[in-house]
């Protein structure tokens, strides 16, 4: 008999214990900027350089048309895993509500965890129009998108148990069992970029994905949400994405042209379906200097070390480095030789 599930009755489970060391430095595999073949090579180089986590953006279209790419993130991770050493892999982030059914997400990440046990995480979010509306024609309001996300997290966790699931909720009906559940518990990190979403992420996620500005402004909201759900926020994973440039201001400006949408990404542009329109608006509305605010821009390792340490000191457990430059090899060599050794074996 199906059980009708009330979204308001859904609660988060205790976050799974993971083997991911505290103060892990990750590297961003930007599916908007590089194709899948290139990203597999970039990820392998990043792991060899010493990055402990590889985070894959998961898009149907890029944020801006001039970024030029949008390969399938799960394919990248499957192809990369055997070349990534012991590095963790996951998405920042998958939207498990519209273009992906949560049952399919549960199956895919369980399969990845069997291929690469103890090295997979799932990052989830409420989506953007350039992905969800573009692929499905659906783009409900903010509250519905978060209600869908909360229910989707419940479906995914329930299927990962390996027990039969008889779920009839507000948005999803699943009557099935996952015959190959995860080899080990998979943490679900929930993305948030505003006050309300930070509290919900704390309540329903096993950890957080956010940016430095949101973290500084709304860290307390995330902690309140976690505490309200009976969790200890200090024991949860916090991934903060930090843009960097290994070079000078000219290098930074070239990178910023591809990521010009960032200051208004989750205030305005998340509601825009067309990457060309986002690019056009960002070019006219966002100064490059605003995009580059908070980016360490230097060929001196000390500036990069300082930015990472500040985030760790603020409570981040994972600092995810995102270099928007074309020459990824140069960035990885610089970090591998001059930045990452500073953090090796530090508590």
Protein backbone atom coordinates (compact mmCIF):
# COMPACT_ATOMS: atom_id res chain seq x y z
CA UNK A 1 0.00 0.00 0.00
CA UNK A 2 1.39 3.42 -0.93
CA UNK A 3 2.04 5.89 1.84
CA UNK A 4 1.17 9.51 1.16
CA UNK A 5 4.19 11.52 2.22
CA UNK A 6 3.76 15.04 3.55
CA UNK A 7 6.74 17.26 2.66
CA UNK A 8 6.51 19.08 5.98
CA UNK A 9 6.88 15.75 7.76
CA UNK A 10 10.13 14.88 5.97
CA UNK A 11 13.18 15.27 8.17
CA UNK A 12 16.88 14.93 7.48
CA UNK A 13 18.74 11.85 8.60
CA UNK A 14 21.91 12.01 10.66
CA UNK A 15 24.75 12.92 8.26
CA UNK A 16 26.79 9.86 7.27
CA UNK A 17 30.29 9.52 8.63
CA UNK A 18 32.77 10.07 5.81
CA UNK A 19 36.47 9.46 5.34
CA UNK A 20 36.97 12.88 3.76
CA UNK A 21 39.66 14.67 5.78
CA UNK A 22 38.90 18.03 7.31
CA UNK A 23 40.52 20.92 5.44
CA UNK A 24 40.33 19.26 2.04
CA UNK A 25 41.19 21.33 -1.04
CA UNK A 26 39.15 20.52 -4.12
CA UNK A 27 39.28 21.52 -7.77
CA UNK A 28 36.39 22.56 -10.00
CA UNK A 29 35.72 20.70 -13.24
CA UNK A 30 33.77 23.37 -15.11
CA UNK A 31 31.52 21.70 -17.66
CA UNK A 32 30.56 25.15 -18.91
CA UNK A 33 34.12 25.94 -20.05
CA UNK A 34 35.64 22.62 -21.20
CA UNK A 35 34.38 19.50 -22.94
CA UNK A 36 34.18 16.11 -21.26
CA UNK A 37 37.41 14.74 -22.75
CA UNK A 38 39.31 17.82 -21.58
CA UNK A 39 37.75 17.62 -18.11
CA UNK A 40 38.79 13.99 -17.65
CA UNK A 41 42.39 15.03 -18.34
CA UNK A 42 42.09 18.11 -16.12
CA UNK A 43 40.66 16.01 -13.29
CA UNK A 44 43.46 13.45 -13.59
CA UNK A 45 46.06 16.25 -13.48
CA UNK A 46 44.33 17.80 -10.46
CA UNK A 47 44.38 14.54 -8.55
CA UNK A 48 48.05 14.03 -9.42
CA UNK A 49 48.80 17.57 -8.22
CA UNK A 50 47.34 16.68 -4.82
CA UNK A 51 43.77 17.96 -4.84
CA UNK A 52 41.66 15.74 -2.59
CA UNK A 53 38.29 16.37 -4.22
CA UNK A 54 37.06 16.93 -7.77
CA UNK A 55 33.77 18.80 -8.13
CA UNK A 56 31.82 18.66 -11.38
CA UNK A 57 29.32 21.31 -12.39
CA UNK A 58 26.15 19.66 -13.75
CA UNK A 59 24.49 21.68 -16.52
CA UNK A 60 22.29 21.19 -19.57
CA UNK A 61 23.46 24.55 -20.91
CA UNK A 62 26.30 26.87 -19.80
CA UNK A 63 25.52 29.98 -17.80
CA UNK A 64 26.82 32.15 -20.65
CA UNK A 65 26.90 31.23 -24.34
CA UNK A 66 30.54 32.29 -24.65
CA UNK A 67 31.58 29.58 -22.18
CA UNK A 68 30.82 27.15 -24.97
CA UNK A 69 30.24 23.74 -23.33
CA UNK A 70 27.79 21.67 -21.27
CA UNK A 71 28.77 17.98 -21.18
CA UNK A 72 27.16 15.38 -18.92
CA UNK A 73 28.82 15.48 -15.50
CA UNK A 74 28.05 11.90 -14.49
CA UNK A 75 29.78 10.63 -17.63
CA UNK A 76 32.85 12.69 -16.73
CA UNK A 77 33.02 11.20 -13.24
CA UNK A 78 32.66 7.62 -14.50
CA UNK A 79 35.41 8.16 -17.07
CA UNK A 80 37.66 9.98 -14.60
CA UNK A 81 37.39 7.80 -11.51
CA UNK A 82 40.16 5.30 -12.27
CA UNK A 83 42.54 8.15 -13.09
CA UNK A 84 41.73 10.21 -10.00
CA UNK A 85 43.62 8.22 -7.38
CA UNK A 86 41.91 8.54 -4.02
CA UNK A 87 40.28 11.90 -4.73
CA UNK A 88 36.61 12.28 -3.94
CA UNK A 89 34.23 13.13 -6.78
CA UNK A 90 30.78 14.66 -6.88
CA UNK A 91 28.56 17.32 -8.37
CA UNK A 92 28.22 20.99 -7.51
CA UNK A 93 25.43 20.67 -8.23
CA UNK A 94 22.85 18.24 -9.60
CA UNK A 95 19.21 19.33 -9.61
CA UNK A 96 17.31 16.09 -8.83
CA UNK A 97 13.81 17.43 -9.41
CA UNK A 98 12.93 18.19 -13.05
CA UNK A 99 15.33 17.14 -15.80
CA UNK A 100 16.51 14.35 -13.48
CA UNK A 101 14.00 12.21 -11.60
CA UNK A 102 15.29 11.61 -8.04
CA UNK A 103 15.01 7.83 -8.47
CA UNK A 104 17.38 8.01 -11.45
CA UNK A 105 19.78 10.21 -9.45
CA UNK A 106 19.75 7.64 -6.65
CA UNK A 107 20.55 4.83 -9.08
CA UNK A 108 23.32 6.75 -10.87
CA UNK A 109 25.19 7.80 -7.74
CA UNK A 110 24.80 4.37 -6.15
CA UNK A 111 26.42 2.95 -9.28
CA UNK A 112 29.25 5.48 -9.12
CA UNK A 113 29.81 4.55 -5.48
CA UNK A 114 30.18 0.88 -6.45
CA UNK A 115 32.80 1.82 -9.03
CA UNK A 116 34.60 4.15 -6.60
CA UNK A 117 33.60 3.16 -3.03
CA UNK A 118 34.00 5.77 -0.33
CA UNK A 119 34.85 8.50 -2.85
CA UNK A 120 31.47 9.80 -4.05
CA UNK A 121 29.34 12.67 -2.79
CA UNK A 122 26.14 14.11 -4.24
CA UNK A 123 25.69 17.87 -4.38
CA UNK A 124 22.09 18.96 -4.96
CA UNK A 125 20.30 22.24 -5.59
CA UNK A 126 16.99 23.71 -6.64
CA UNK A 127 18.10 24.40 -10.21
CA UNK A 128 18.26 27.21 -12.75
CA UNK A 129 15.98 28.03 -15.65
CA UNK A 130 18.85 27.64 -18.13
CA UNK A 131 18.91 23.94 -17.23
CA UNK A 132 15.51 22.88 -15.91
CA UNK A 133 13.18 25.06 -17.95
CA UNK A 134 15.32 24.66 -21.06
CA UNK A 135 15.20 20.86 -20.87
CA UNK A 136 11.67 20.28 -19.57
CA UNK A 137 9.60 23.44 -20.05
CA UNK A 138 8.96 23.47 -16.28
CA UNK A 139 10.04 26.32 -14.02
CA UNK A 140 7.90 26.63 -10.88
CA UNK A 141 8.32 29.28 -8.21
CA UNK A 142 11.04 29.23 -5.54
CA UNK A 143 8.93 27.54 -2.85
CA UNK A 144 7.86 24.70 -5.12
CA UNK A 145 11.41 24.16 -6.32
CA UNK A 146 12.58 23.78 -2.73
CA UNK A 147 9.62 21.56 -1.81
CA UNK A 148 10.54 19.37 -4.77
CA UNK A 149 14.17 19.29 -3.62
CA UNK A 150 13.26 18.29 -0.07
CA UNK A 151 11.06 15.47 -1.32
CA UNK A 152 13.72 14.38 -3.83
CA UNK A 153 16.35 14.13 -1.06
CA UNK A 154 13.94 11.92 0.89
CA UNK A 155 13.40 9.65 -2.14
CA UNK A 156 17.13 9.35 -2.82
CA UNK A 157 18.03 8.53 0.77
CA UNK A 158 15.20 5.99 1.02
CA UNK A 159 16.27 4.19 -2.15
CA UNK A 160 19.89 4.12 -1.02
CA UNK A 161 18.82 2.02 1.96
CA UNK A 162 18.22 -0.88 -0.42
CA UNK A 163 14.78 -1.47 1.11
CA UNK A 164 11.56 -1.37 -0.96
CA UNK A 165 10.19 2.14 -1.24
CA UNK A 166 6.46 2.85 -1.50
CA UNK A 167 6.40 6.60 -1.83
CA UNK A 168 3.52 8.77 -2.94
CA UNK A 169 4.35 12.39 -2.33
CA UNK A 170 3.29 15.75 -3.58
CA UNK A 171 5.58 15.60 -6.62
CA UNK A 172 6.93 12.05 -6.95
CA UNK A 173 5.53 8.55 -6.82
CA UNK A 174 8.13 5.79 -6.51
CA UNK A 175 7.28 2.14 -5.91
CA UNK A 176 10.57 0.33 -6.30
CA UNK A 177 13.72 -1.01 -4.73
CA UNK A 178 17.30 -0.15 -5.62
CA UNK A 179 18.89 -3.54 -6.19
CA UNK A 180 22.46 -2.19 -6.11
CA UNK A 181 22.52 0.29 -3.21
CA UNK A 182 25.64 2.34 -2.45
CA UNK A 183 28.74 0.50 -1.41
CA UNK A 184 29.15 3.04 1.41
CA UNK A 185 26.99 5.94 2.66
CA UNK A 186 26.98 8.88 0.25
CA UNK A 187 26.81 12.35 1.80
CA UNK A 188 24.32 14.78 0.25
CA UNK A 189 25.61 18.34 0.21
CA UNK A 190 22.89 20.91 -0.41
CA UNK A 191 23.62 24.16 -2.25
CA UNK A 192 22.38 27.50 -0.97
CA UNK A 193 22.92 31.11 -1.99
CA UNK A 194 20.49 33.11 0.16
CA UNK A 195 19.11 33.48 3.67
CA UNK A 196 16.08 31.18 3.32
CA UNK A 197 17.91 28.53 1.33
CA UNK A 198 20.81 28.46 3.80
CA UNK A 199 18.46 27.52 6.64
CA UNK A 200 16.78 24.82 4.54
CA UNK A 201 20.15 23.45 3.45
CA UNK A 202 21.18 23.12 7.08
CA UNK A 203 17.93 21.37 7.91
CA UNK A 204 17.83 18.83 5.08
CA UNK A 205 21.38 18.35 3.83
CA UNK A 206 24.31 16.38 5.18
CA UNK A 207 26.51 19.32 4.33
CA UNK A 208 26.58 22.63 2.49
CA UNK A 209 27.78 24.00 -0.85
CA UNK A 210 28.02 27.78 -1.11
CA UNK A 211 30.20 30.76 -1.99
CA UNK A 212 32.37 32.93 0.30
CA UNK A 213 29.95 35.90 0.38
CA UNK A 214 26.86 33.83 1.23
CA UNK A 215 28.81 31.92 3.86
CA UNK A 216 29.94 35.12 5.53
CA UNK A 217 26.44 36.64 5.48
CA UNK A 218 24.28 33.65 6.36
CA UNK A 219 26.42 31.07 8.12
CA UNK A 220 24.25 31.46 11.23
CA UNK A 221 21.09 30.60 9.24
CA UNK A 222 22.66 27.35 8.06
CA UNK A 223 23.70 26.51 11.62
CA UNK A 224 20.16 27.23 12.90
CA UNK A 225 18.68 24.92 10.28
CA UNK A 226 21.08 22.13 11.20
CA UNK A 227 20.48 22.53 14.92
CA UNK A 228 16.71 22.58 14.40
CA UNK A 229 17.06 19.18 12.71
CA UNK A 230 19.08 17.79 15.62
CA UNK A 231 22.42 17.89 13.81
CA UNK A 232 25.79 19.25 14.87
CA UNK A 233 26.86 21.82 12.23
CA UNK A 234 30.48 21.67 13.36
CA UNK A 235 30.56 17.99 12.35
CA UNK A 236 29.09 18.57 8.88
CA UNK A 237 30.83 19.13 5.54
CA UNK A 238 30.99 22.71 4.25
CA UNK A 239 32.23 23.20 0.68
CA UNK A 240 32.98 26.77 -0.38
CA UNK A 241 33.85 27.52 -3.99
CA UNK A 242 36.71 29.99 -4.34
CA UNK A 243 37.53 31.53 -7.72
CA UNK A 244 41.25 32.17 -8.26
CA UNK A 245 43.56 33.46 -10.98
CA UNK A 246 47.18 32.44 -11.26
CA UNK A 247 48.39 35.50 -13.12
CA UNK A 248 47.81 39.23 -13.38
CA UNK A 249 44.85 41.55 -13.89
CA UNK A 250 44.77 40.92 -17.64
CA UNK A 251 44.50 37.18 -17.02
CA UNK A 252 41.76 37.83 -14.47
CA UNK A 253 39.76 39.99 -16.85
CA UNK A 254 39.85 37.32 -19.54
CA UNK A 255 38.58 34.73 -17.06
CA UNK A 256 35.96 37.11 -15.68
CA UNK A 257 34.48 37.59 -19.16
CA UNK A 258 33.37 33.93 -19.02
CA UNK A 259 32.00 34.18 -15.47
CA UNK A 260 30.56 37.69 -15.63
CA UNK A 261 27.13 36.51 -14.50
CA UNK A 262 28.36 35.48 -11.05
CA UNK A 263 27.41 38.55 -8.96
CA UNK A 264 23.80 38.29 -10.17
CA UNK A 265 23.62 34.55 -10.78
CA UNK A 266 21.30 33.71 -7.89
CA UNK A 267 19.66 37.11 -7.56
CA UNK A 268 18.40 37.49 -11.13
CA UNK A 269 19.92 35.28 -13.80
CA UNK A 270 18.80 31.92 -12.38
CA UNK A 271 15.36 32.81 -13.80
CA UNK A 272 16.68 33.31 -17.36
CA UNK A 273 16.43 30.34 -19.73
CA UNK A 274 18.78 31.50 -22.52
CA UNK A 275 22.60 31.60 -21.93
CA UNK A 276 22.96 34.16 -24.73
CA UNK A 277 20.52 36.45 -22.91
CA UNK A 278 22.40 35.98 -19.62
CA UNK A 279 25.65 36.87 -21.36
CA UNK A 280 24.10 39.95 -22.94
CA UNK A 281 22.67 41.16 -19.65
CA UNK A 282 25.84 40.46 -17.69
CA UNK A 283 27.94 42.36 -20.23
CA UNK A 284 25.77 45.44 -19.77
CA UNK A 285 24.96 45.14 -16.06
CA UNK A 286 28.04 43.72 -14.31
CA UNK A 287 31.44 45.48 -14.31
CA UNK A 288 34.39 43.10 -14.55
CA UNK A 289 35.81 44.61 -11.35
CA UNK A 290 32.70 43.41 -9.51
CA UNK A 291 33.16 39.88 -10.84
CA UNK A 292 36.76 39.76 -9.63
CA UNK A 293 36.05 40.98 -6.10
CA UNK A 294 37.37 38.46 -3.61
CA UNK A 295 39.45 36.55 -6.16
CA UNK A 296 43.08 35.98 -5.24
CA UNK A 297 44.87 37.22 -8.39
CA UNK A 298 48.58 36.55 -8.15
CA UNK A 299 51.53 34.40 -9.18
CA UNK A 300 52.70 34.52 -5.57
CA UNK A 301 51.62 31.42 -3.62
CA UNK A 302 51.17 33.39 -0.40
CA UNK A 303 48.05 35.19 -1.65
CA UNK A 304 46.39 31.90 -2.58
CA UNK A 305 47.43 30.22 0.67
CA UNK A 306 46.00 33.15 2.63
CA UNK A 307 42.60 32.96 0.86
CA UNK A 308 42.29 29.23 1.47
CA UNK A 309 43.33 29.51 5.12
CA UNK A 310 40.79 32.28 5.74
CA UNK A 311 38.00 30.00 4.52
CA UNK A 312 39.19 27.09 6.65
CA UNK A 313 39.39 29.40 9.66
CA UNK A 314 35.78 30.51 9.00
CA UNK A 315 34.50 26.92 9.24
CA UNK A 316 34.82 25.56 5.73
CA UNK A 317 35.90 21.93 5.60
CA UNK A 318 36.39 21.91 1.81
CA UNK A 319 37.74 24.82 -0.23
CA UNK A 320 36.94 24.15 -3.86
CA UNK A 321 39.33 26.02 -6.16
CA UNK A 322 37.82 27.29 -9.40
CA UNK A 323 40.25 28.70 -11.94
CA UNK A 324 38.40 30.24 -14.87
CA UNK A 325 41.56 30.43 -16.99
CA UNK A 326 42.09 28.63 -20.27
CA UNK A 327 45.46 27.18 -19.26
CA UNK A 328 44.39 24.76 -16.56
CA UNK A 329 47.70 22.88 -16.63
CA UNK A 330 49.62 25.98 -15.51
CA UNK A 331 47.20 26.53 -12.62
CA UNK A 332 47.46 22.91 -11.50
CA UNK A 333 51.25 22.90 -11.65
CA UNK A 334 51.38 26.12 -9.62
CA UNK A 335 49.03 24.78 -6.96
CA UNK A 336 50.65 21.35 -6.87
CA UNK A 337 54.15 22.76 -6.42
CA UNK A 338 53.60 25.94 -4.41
CA UNK A 339 50.23 25.98 -2.65
CA UNK A 340 49.00 22.49 -1.73
CA UNK A 341 52.26 21.45 0.03
CA UNK A 342 51.63 24.21 2.58
CA UNK A 343 48.46 22.38 3.72
CA UNK A 344 49.79 18.83 3.57
CA UNK A 345 49.45 17.02 6.90
CA UNK A 346 48.15 20.14 8.63
CA UNK A 347 45.42 19.37 11.22
